[in-house]
Amino acid sequence: MRRNLFPAWMVVFILGVSAAGFQPAAAAQTNIGAAPVAGKRPMTFMDIIEMRSLRSRALSPDGQWLLYSVAAPNWSKGEQYSDIFLTSTQGGEPKQLTFTKDKNEDNPLWAKDGTLFAFISDRDGKRQIYFMRWDGGEARKMTDHKEGVGSMAWSKNGDYLAYTAGKADEQQLWLLPKNAPQPIRLTKHETPIKGFWWSPSSRHIYFTAPDSLDKEDKKRRDKKFDVKIINQPDPSVHLWVIDVETKAESRLTSGTEFTIRSALFGG
């Protein structure tokens, strides 16, 4: 997903004023007449807005390596684009793993055995999932959904990568076996999947979904309706569970007094 830079200017400007405007002034009063350090210069506003930013990161299963994505500004397009890097937790120079110009490579996730990692990229248009070995080689495209993919998570046993795909108001759960070439559709829920979490056993996936879908609102979005309707009542969102093997779904919560946002498992 491309990130528009212009809203970030406001945040960066405020941070720049507080960090580069007020504090150095106090420091300057105590260092009047001090000679500048050789080869150095004061930080400027342009230095701040040209800074690259850290996005996602993932520690390898053995704790020896760190994958992370870095976003850099492209001022000619008014966007930020990201690539994935690898570095040792023991120190040393980081290694850049992806080099796709004006595209986003993000959300790296290590496989349980540490042999490869999954990441999401829009290098071919929509956001899709790719697998790549951490020690080199070409990335392999694993999905090809017309509307792209959303979030993803490895199962606890490392056999499957679960993810959401589809339009924003139609996203469903899919499974990507680590050692198989084709993804498998898991849910055909009546409403879109909002969030999901693997059970500790990897046999089930818990997910949240709204009780209903505003069909009229969906029609407006599909037709690119350009008037935003505010203060619409949101349907309750509840917790469900699905068996990965049988695809049988069960509802776990109900009611209109509350909404489920996330789930947490002990142990």
Protein backbone atom coordinates (compact mmCIF):
# COMPACT_ATOMS: atom_id res chain seq x y z
CA MET A 1 0.00 0.00 0.00
CA ARG A 2 1.39 3.38 -0.92
CA ARG A 3 1.62 5.88 1.91
CA ASN A 4 0.78 9.51 1.19
CA LEU A 5 3.45 11.82 2.56
CA PHE A 6 1.49 15.00 3.00
CA PRO A 7 -0.34 14.18 6.27
CA ALA A 8 3.01 13.10 7.66
CA TRP A 9 4.42 16.59 7.01
CA MET A 10 2.20 18.00 9.71
CA VAL A 11 3.37 15.44 12.27
CA VAL A 12 6.99 15.77 11.27
CA PHE A 13 6.79 19.56 11.40
CA ILE A 14 5.39 19.51 14.93
CA LEU A 15 8.01 17.00 16.05
CA GLY A 16 10.68 19.00 14.29
CA VAL A 17 9.69 22.19 16.05
CA SER A 18 9.67 20.59 19.49
CA ALA A 19 12.81 18.55 18.95
CA ALA A 20 14.83 20.85 16.73
CA GLY A 21 13.40 24.23 17.65
CA PHE A 22 13.14 24.53 21.41
CA GLN A 23 15.66 22.09 22.86
CA PRO A 24 18.65 23.13 20.74
CA ALA A 25 17.92 26.74 21.66
CA ALA A 26 18.47 25.93 25.32
CA ALA A 27 21.59 23.98 24.44
CA ALA A 28 22.90 26.88 22.35
CA GLN A 29 22.74 29.20 25.36
CA THR A 30 25.13 26.97 27.27
CA ASN A 31 27.53 26.52 24.34
CA ILE A 32 27.91 30.05 23.06
CA GLY A 33 31.18 30.42 21.24
CA ALA A 34 31.82 26.68 21.02
CA ALA A 35 33.42 25.62 17.75
CA PRO A 36 31.37 23.27 15.55
CA VAL A 37 32.46 19.64 15.46
CA ALA A 38 34.54 18.96 12.36
CA GLY A 39 32.53 17.38 9.54
CA LYS A 40 29.20 17.96 11.29
CA ARG A 41 26.42 20.50 10.82
CA PRO A 42 23.17 21.33 12.59
CA MET A 43 20.12 19.31 11.61
CA THR A 44 17.71 21.14 9.32
CA PHE A 45 14.00 20.82 8.64
CA MET A 46 14.77 19.09 5.32
CA ASP A 47 16.89 16.53 7.15
CA ILE A 48 13.89 15.66 9.28
CA ILE A 49 11.41 15.21 6.45
CA GLU A 50 13.94 13.22 4.40
CA MET A 51 14.35 10.70 7.21
CA ARG A 52 13.52 7.08 6.48
CA SER A 53 11.12 5.40 8.89
CA LEU A 54 10.99 1.93 10.40
CA ARG A 55 7.74 0.06 9.78
CA SER A 56 7.36 -3.62 10.65
CA ARG A 57 9.93 -5.98 12.16
CA ALA A 58 10.19 -9.70 12.96
CA LEU A 59 12.71 -11.62 15.09
CA SER A 60 13.86 -15.01 13.78
CA PRO A 61 12.82 -18.12 15.79
CA ASP A 62 16.40 -18.61 17.03
CA GLY A 63 16.75 -14.94 17.96
CA GLN A 64 19.81 -14.48 15.73
CA TRP A 65 18.31 -12.36 12.96
CA LEU A 66 15.93 -9.45 12.60
CA LEU A 67 13.86 -8.68 9.53
CA TYR A 68 12.48 -5.17 9.23
CA SER A 69 11.05 -2.84 6.61
CA VAL A 70 12.15 0.74 6.01
CA ALA A 71 10.08 3.37 4.21
CA ALA A 72 11.81 6.12 2.22
CA PRO A 73 10.14 9.22 0.72
CA ASN A 74 9.73 9.75 -3.00
CA TRP A 75 9.00 13.46 -3.29
CA SER A 76 8.36 13.44 -7.04
CA LYS A 77 5.37 11.16 -6.43
CA GLY A 78 4.43 12.39 -2.97
CA GLU A 79 4.60 8.85 -1.59
CA GLN A 80 6.64 6.59 0.66
CA TYR A 81 7.89 3.19 -0.49
CA SER A 82 9.39 0.44 1.61
CA ASP A 83 11.92 -2.39 1.32
CA ILE A 84 12.91 -5.25 3.62
CA PHE A 85 16.27 -5.53 5.37
CA LEU A 86 18.02 -8.22 7.41
CA THR A 87 20.45 -7.67 10.26
CA SER A 88 22.13 -9.83 12.87
CA THR A 89 21.12 -9.31 16.49
CA GLN A 90 24.83 -9.53 17.30
CA GLY A 91 25.55 -6.38 15.31
CA GLY A 92 27.06 -5.68 11.90
CA GLU A 93 25.89 -4.11 8.67
CA PRO A 94 22.27 -4.69 7.59
CA LYS A 95 21.58 -6.40 4.28
CA GLN A 96 18.86 -5.18 1.92
CA LEU A 97 16.76 -8.09 0.64
CA THR A 98 14.24 -6.40 -1.67
CA PHE A 99 14.91 -3.76 -4.32
CA THR A 100 11.59 -3.12 -6.07
CA LYS A 101 11.49 0.53 -7.17
CA ASP A 102 8.47 2.62 -6.16
CA LYS A 103 6.69 -0.36 -4.57
CA ASN A 104 6.09 -1.55 -1.03
CA GLU A 105 7.62 -4.67 0.49
CA ASP A 106 6.37 -4.93 4.05
CA ASN A 107 5.14 -7.09 6.95
CA PRO A 108 7.86 -9.78 7.02
CA LEU A 109 6.91 -12.89 9.04
CA TRP A 110 9.36 -15.72 9.76
CA ALA A 111 8.30 -19.31 9.17
CA LYS A 112 8.58 -21.40 12.34
CA ASP A 113 11.59 -23.37 11.07
CA GLY A 114 13.41 -20.16 10.13
CA THR A 115 14.14 -21.26 6.56
CA LEU A 116 12.06 -18.55 4.90
CA PHE A 117 9.78 -15.63 5.57
CA ALA A 118 6.51 -14.36 4.15
CA PHE A 119 5.93 -10.74 3.25
CA ILE A 120 3.34 -8.60 1.49
CA SER A 121 4.18 -6.61 -1.64
CA ASP A 122 2.34 -4.54 -4.23
CA ARG A 123 5.11 -5.01 -6.83
CA ASP A 124 2.59 -6.54 -9.28
CA GLY A 125 -0.26 -4.16 -8.52
CA LYS A 126 -2.42 -5.35 -5.64
CA ARG A 127 -0.98 -6.47 -2.30
CA GLN A 128 -0.01 -10.15 -2.54
CA ILE A 129 1.91 -12.63 -0.38
CA TYR A 130 5.44 -13.70 -1.29
CA PHE A 131 7.83 -16.26 0.21
CA MET A 132 11.57 -15.63 0.28
CA ARG A 133 14.60 -17.33 1.81
CA TRP A 134 16.41 -15.12 4.27
CA ASP A 135 19.84 -16.18 2.94
CA GLY A 136 19.17 -15.10 -0.63
CA GLY A 137 17.27 -15.99 -3.77
CA GLU A 138 14.24 -14.65 -5.59
CA ALA A 139 10.90 -14.02 -3.91
CA ARG A 140 8.09 -16.42 -4.90
CA LYS A 141 4.62 -15.02 -5.44
CA MET A 142 2.16 -17.19 -3.49
CA THR A 143 -1.20 -15.45 -4.01
CA ASP A 144 -2.96 -13.72 -6.86
CA HIS A 145 -6.18 -12.24 -5.50
CA LYS A 146 -7.92 -9.65 -7.64
CA GLU A 147 -8.53 -7.33 -4.69
CA GLY A 148 -5.28 -8.17 -2.91
CA VAL A 149 -4.73 -9.50 0.61
CA GLY A 150 -5.14 -7.98 4.06
CA SER A 151 -3.44 -9.32 7.18
CA MET A 152 -1.66 -12.67 7.66
CA ALA A 153 -0.37 -14.93 10.46
CA TRP A 154 1.49 -18.25 10.67
CA SER A 155 -0.09 -21.15 12.54
CA LYS A 156 1.64 -22.10 15.79
CA ASN A 157 2.93 -25.36 14.28
CA GLY A 158 4.22 -23.55 11.20
CA ASP A 159 2.25 -25.61 8.68
CA TYR A 160 -0.08 -22.86 7.43
CA LEU A 161 -0.15 -19.16 6.76
CA ALA A 162 -3.66 -17.78 7.27
CA TYR A 163 -4.65 -14.50 5.65
CA THR A 164 -7.62 -12.39 4.62
CA ALA A 165 -8.43 -11.51 1.02
CA GLY A 166 -11.16 -9.78 -0.93
CA LYS A 167 -12.79 -6.37 -0.98
CA ALA A 168 -12.79 -4.48 2.31
CA ASP A 169 -16.43 -5.34 2.96
CA GLU A 170 -16.13 -8.94 1.73
CA GLN A 171 -12.81 -10.21 3.13
CA GLN A 172 -12.68 -13.91 4.00
CA LEU A 173 -10.10 -16.25 5.53
CA TRP A 174 -7.73 -18.25 3.36
CA LEU A 175 -5.04 -20.83 4.15
CA LEU A 176 -1.68 -21.08 2.42
CA PRO A 177 0.08 -24.38 3.22
CA LYS A 178 3.81 -23.84 3.67
CA ASN A 179 4.70 -26.73 1.38
CA ALA A 180 1.86 -26.52 -1.15
CA PRO A 181 1.51 -24.16 -4.12
CA GLN A 182 -2.17 -23.26 -3.93
CA PRO A 183 -4.10 -21.31 -1.26
CA ILE A 184 -7.31 -22.76 0.15
CA ARG A 185 -10.42 -20.74 0.92
CA LEU A 186 -11.43 -21.35 4.53
CA THR A 187 -14.52 -19.23 5.24
CA LYS A 188 -17.62 -18.28 3.31
CA HIS A 189 -19.00 -16.10 6.04
CA GLU A 190 -22.02 -13.90 5.38
CA THR A 191 -20.18 -10.82 6.63
CA PRO A 192 -16.52 -9.76 6.30
CA ILE A 193 -13.80 -11.07 8.59
CA LYS A 194 -12.40 -8.28 10.76
CA GLY A 195 -9.61 -9.95 12.73
CA PHE A 196 -8.34 -13.49 13.36
CA TRP A 197 -6.08 -15.45 15.73
CA TRP A 198 -4.69 -18.98 15.65
CA SER A 199 -5.44 -21.32 18.55
CA PRO A 200 -2.37 -22.72 20.38
CA SER A 201 -3.08 -26.16 18.86
CA SER A 202 -3.25 -24.77 15.27
CA ARG A 203 -6.48 -26.75 14.81
CA HIS A 204 -8.76 -23.71 15.03
CA ILE A 205 -8.84 -20.07 14.03
CA TYR A 206 -10.82 -17.56 16.05
CA PHE A 207 -12.17 -14.59 14.13
CA THR A 208 -14.43 -11.58 14.53
CA ALA A 209 -17.21 -10.61 12.13
CA PRO A 210 -20.13 -8.16 12.25
CA ASP A 211 -23.66 -9.48 12.73
CA SER A 212 -24.93 -7.77 9.61
CA LEU A 213 -23.87 -5.79 6.57
CA ASP A 214 -25.50 -2.57 5.41
CA LYS A 215 -26.34 -3.52 1.82
CA GLU A 216 -27.26 0.03 0.84
CA ASP A 217 -23.95 1.33 2.16
CA LYS A 218 -22.15 -1.39 0.22
CA LYS A 219 -23.92 -0.31 -2.97
CA ARG A 220 -22.82 3.27 -2.39
CA ARG A 221 -19.20 2.22 -1.96
CA ASP A 222 -19.29 -0.04 -5.00
CA LYS A 223 -20.58 2.87 -7.10
CA LYS A 224 -17.90 5.23 -5.72
CA PHE A 225 -20.49 7.37 -3.93
CA ASP A 226 -18.56 10.54 -3.05
CA VAL A 227 -20.70 11.78 -0.16
CA LYS A 228 -19.62 10.44 3.21
CA ILE A 229 -22.46 9.45 5.51
CA ILE A 230 -21.58 9.95 9.16
CA ASN A 231 -23.01 8.72 12.45
CA GLN A 232 -24.32 5.50 10.98
CA PRO A 233 -24.92 2.86 13.65
CA ASP A 234 -22.35 0.07 13.50
CA PRO A 235 -23.51 -3.54 13.83
CA SER A 236 -22.19 -5.58 16.75
CA VAL A 237 -19.03 -7.55 16.04
CA HIS A 238 -18.73 -10.99 17.63
CA LEU A 239 -16.29 -13.85 18.09
CA TRP A 240 -16.43 -17.02 16.02
CA VAL A 241 -14.24 -20.12 15.71
CA ILE A 242 -13.61 -22.32 12.68
CA ASP A 243 -12.11 -25.81 12.51
CA VAL A 244 -9.27 -25.73 9.98
CA GLU A 245 -9.82 -29.34 8.92
CA THR A 246 -13.63 -29.53 8.72
CA LYS A 247 -14.30 -25.81 8.06
CA ALA A 248 -17.14 -25.97 10.59
CA GLU A 249 -17.90 -22.55 12.14
CA SER A 250 -19.29 -21.87 15.62
CA ARG A 251 -20.39 -18.59 17.13
CA LEU A 252 -18.97 -17.91 20.60
CA THR A 253 -20.48 -14.55 21.63
CA SER A 254 -23.74 -12.73 20.98
CA GLY A 255 -25.69 -9.66 22.00
CA THR A 256 -26.00 -6.02 21.02
CA GLU A 257 -24.58 -4.48 24.20
CA PHE A 258 -20.92 -4.98 23.28
CA THR A 259 -18.50 -5.58 20.41
CA ILE A 260 -15.48 -7.92 20.32
CA ARG A 261 -12.29 -6.27 19.10
CA SER A 262 -9.60 -8.89 19.83
CA ALA A 263 -8.88 -12.22 21.50
CA LEU A 264 -6.04 -13.33 23.78
CA PHE A 265 -5.00 -16.88 24.62
CA GLY A 266 -3.14 -17.95 27.74
CA GLY A 267 -0.54 -20.65 28.03
